[in-house]
Amino acid sequence: MPRFRKLTPMPTWLFASLRGYQIAWLPRDLVAGLMLAAIAIPGQLATARLAGMPPEAGLYAFAAGSLAFAAFGANRFMSVAADSTIAPIFAGALASMANPGTTQYAEFATLLALMVGAILIAAGLFRAGWLATLLSNPVTTGSWQAFPSTL
């Protein structure tokens, strides 16, 4: 195995969450993965519908987010998926530009997702995570309590 590593150098940041993984953990991790899927899949189907997208879009978002975080994230205990709290706001913004269910709506949704991804990548490259500390507890609590009124 060491010879294979010399032939195919892998960046240290790629799949960093798997560093130190032990194969003995695999059976329990498979059970945990099945339990996560049982909980997350229905939630992702519903979140996609809240966003005005077909249900399978939620599965694609869950799979893409999970694979991307596995490759680029550093925490192996985190689950990444679409968020049901922002989906109705997302749908409202998109509905003002296109009718839900149309090709144009799906194109705008894709563009919005790519723009948000680019912003998050830029924030990561510029190490801008400290900006979250500027949000006070009353602001974050107020936003969570005000969310139901958007529904």
Protein backbone atom coordinates (compact mmCIF):
# COMPACT_ATOMS: atom_id res chain seq x y z
CA MET A 1 0.00 0.00 0.00
CA PRO A 2 2.78 2.55 0.72
CA ARG A 3 4.08 2.04 -2.83
CA PHE A 4 0.61 2.80 -4.24
CA ARG A 5 0.53 6.05 -2.21
CA LYS A 6 3.84 7.09 -3.77
CA LEU A 7 2.51 6.47 -7.27
CA THR A 8 -0.77 8.33 -6.73
CA PRO A 9 -0.25 11.27 -4.42
CA MET A 10 -3.51 12.50 -2.92
CA PRO A 11 -3.89 16.03 -1.61
CA THR A 12 -4.12 16.05 2.18
CA TRP A 13 -7.33 18.10 2.10
CA LEU A 14 -9.21 15.66 -0.13
CA PHE A 15 -11.30 13.18 1.90
CA ALA A 16 -9.72 14.52 5.10
CA SER A 17 -12.71 13.21 7.06
CA LEU A 18 -11.59 9.65 6.31
CA ARG A 19 -8.13 10.17 7.74
CA GLY A 20 -7.68 7.74 10.62
CA TYR A 21 -10.73 5.68 9.66
CA GLN A 22 -10.62 2.08 10.86
CA ILE A 23 -12.23 -0.70 8.83
CA ALA A 24 -13.59 -2.18 12.09
CA TRP A 25 -16.00 0.79 12.25
CA LEU A 26 -17.60 -0.13 8.89
CA PRO A 27 -20.44 -2.44 10.11
CA ARG A 28 -21.71 0.16 12.59
CA ASP A 29 -21.24 2.96 10.08
CA LEU A 30 -23.36 1.03 7.55
CA VAL A 31 -26.16 0.70 10.11
CA ALA A 32 -25.86 4.41 10.92
CA GLY A 33 -25.96 5.21 7.20
CA LEU A 34 -29.15 3.20 6.74
CA MET A 35 -30.74 4.97 9.70
CA LEU A 36 -29.72 8.35 8.31
CA ALA A 37 -31.18 7.43 4.92
CA ALA A 38 -34.46 6.36 6.53
CA ILE A 39 -34.75 9.77 8.16
CA ALA A 40 -33.20 11.99 5.49
CA ILE A 41 -34.77 10.66 2.29
CA PRO A 42 -38.39 11.53 3.18
CA GLY A 43 -37.21 14.90 4.48
CA GLN A 44 -35.35 15.65 1.27
CA LEU A 45 -38.35 14.66 -0.86
CA ALA A 46 -40.53 17.07 1.16
CA THR A 47 -37.92 19.83 1.06
CA ALA A 48 -37.76 19.62 -2.72
CA ARG A 49 -41.55 19.99 -2.89
CA LEU A 50 -41.38 22.99 -0.53
CA ALA A 51 -38.91 24.57 -2.95
CA GLY A 52 -41.26 23.97 -5.88
CA MET A 53 -39.04 21.32 -7.41
CA PRO A 54 -39.80 17.70 -8.29
CA PRO A 55 -39.16 15.29 -5.38
CA GLU A 56 -36.16 13.66 -7.05
CA ALA A 57 -34.35 17.02 -6.92
CA GLY A 58 -34.19 16.57 -3.14
CA LEU A 59 -32.45 13.22 -3.58
CA TYR A 60 -29.96 14.74 -6.01
CA ALA A 61 -29.25 17.59 -3.59
CA PHE A 62 -28.75 15.15 -0.72
CA ALA A 63 -26.42 12.91 -2.74
CA ALA A 64 -24.41 15.81 -4.18
CA GLY A 65 -24.09 17.55 -0.82
CA SER A 66 -23.05 14.36 0.95
CA LEU A 67 -20.44 13.43 -1.66
CA ALA A 68 -19.04 16.95 -1.83
CA PHE A 69 -18.79 17.18 1.94
CA ALA A 70 -17.16 13.74 2.13
CA ALA A 71 -14.56 14.90 -0.39
CA PHE A 72 -13.93 18.42 0.90
CA GLY A 73 -15.20 18.47 4.50
CA ALA A 74 -13.21 17.63 7.57
CA ASN A 75 -15.92 16.29 9.90
CA ARG A 76 -17.02 12.70 9.41
CA PHE A 77 -19.96 13.06 11.83
CA MET A 78 -21.80 15.76 9.90
CA SER A 79 -24.72 15.21 7.54
CA VAL A 80 -25.22 17.69 4.71
CA ALA A 81 -28.57 18.14 3.01
CA ALA A 82 -31.03 20.70 1.69
CA ASP A 83 -32.62 22.81 4.41
CA SER A 84 -36.39 22.89 4.76
CA THR A 85 -36.36 26.27 6.51
CA ILE A 86 -34.97 28.11 3.48
CA ALA A 87 -36.85 26.13 0.81
CA PRO A 88 -40.10 28.17 0.94
CA ILE A 89 -38.13 31.43 0.78
CA PHE A 90 -36.15 29.98 -2.12
CA ALA A 91 -39.42 29.01 -3.85
CA GLY A 92 -40.93 32.44 -3.27
CA ALA A 93 -37.97 34.18 -4.84
CA LEU A 94 -37.96 31.83 -7.82
CA ALA A 95 -41.75 32.03 -8.28
CA SER A 96 -41.43 35.77 -8.78
CA MET A 97 -39.25 35.06 -11.83
CA ALA A 98 -40.76 31.87 -13.31
CA ASN A 99 -43.73 29.55 -12.87
CA PRO A 100 -42.99 26.49 -10.69
CA GLY A 101 -42.69 23.28 -12.68
CA THR A 102 -41.37 24.97 -15.83
CA THR A 103 -37.95 24.53 -17.38
CA GLN A 104 -37.14 28.17 -16.68
CA TYR A 105 -37.91 27.65 -12.96
CA ALA A 106 -35.51 24.68 -12.84
CA GLU A 107 -32.84 26.71 -14.65
CA PHE A 108 -33.20 29.59 -12.16
CA ALA A 109 -33.05 27.12 -9.26
CA THR A 110 -29.85 25.62 -10.67
CA LEU A 111 -28.34 29.07 -11.18
CA LEU A 112 -29.25 30.13 -7.63
CA ALA A 113 -27.73 26.94 -6.18
CA LEU A 114 -24.50 27.47 -8.15
CA MET A 115 -24.30 31.12 -7.05
CA VAL A 116 -24.76 30.16 -3.40
CA GLY A 117 -22.12 27.45 -3.81
CA ALA A 118 -19.67 29.94 -5.33
CA ILE A 119 -20.26 32.35 -2.44
CA LEU A 120 -19.65 29.58 0.09
CA ILE A 121 -16.46 28.48 -1.68
CA ALA A 122 -15.23 32.08 -1.73
CA ALA A 123 -16.07 32.45 1.98
CA GLY A 124 -14.11 29.28 2.70
CA LEU A 125 -11.11 30.38 0.66
CA PHE A 126 -11.07 33.76 2.39
CA ARG A 127 -11.55 32.10 5.81
CA ALA A 128 -14.65 34.21 6.41
CA GLY A 129 -16.36 31.83 8.86
CA TRP A 130 -15.67 34.30 11.67
CA LEU A 131 -18.43 36.51 10.21
CA ALA A 132 -20.98 34.15 11.79
CA THR A 133 -19.80 35.29 15.23
CA LEU A 134 -21.12 38.76 14.40
CA LEU A 135 -24.71 37.45 14.45
CA SER A 136 -26.01 37.93 17.96
CA ASN A 137 -28.27 35.41 19.72
CA PRO A 138 -31.33 37.72 19.49
CA VAL A 139 -30.85 37.99 15.71
CA THR A 140 -30.58 34.25 15.15
CA THR A 141 -33.41 33.47 17.59
CA GLY A 142 -35.62 36.09 15.95
CA SER A 143 -34.97 34.67 12.49
CA TRP A 144 -35.92 31.17 13.66
CA GLN A 145 -39.08 32.43 15.33
CA ALA A 146 -40.04 34.59 12.34
CA PHE A 147 -39.65 31.74 9.86
CA PRO A 148 -43.14 30.23 10.35
CA SER A 149 -44.69 33.55 9.35
CA THR A 150 -43.15 33.16 5.88
CA LEU A 151 -45.16 29.99 5.36
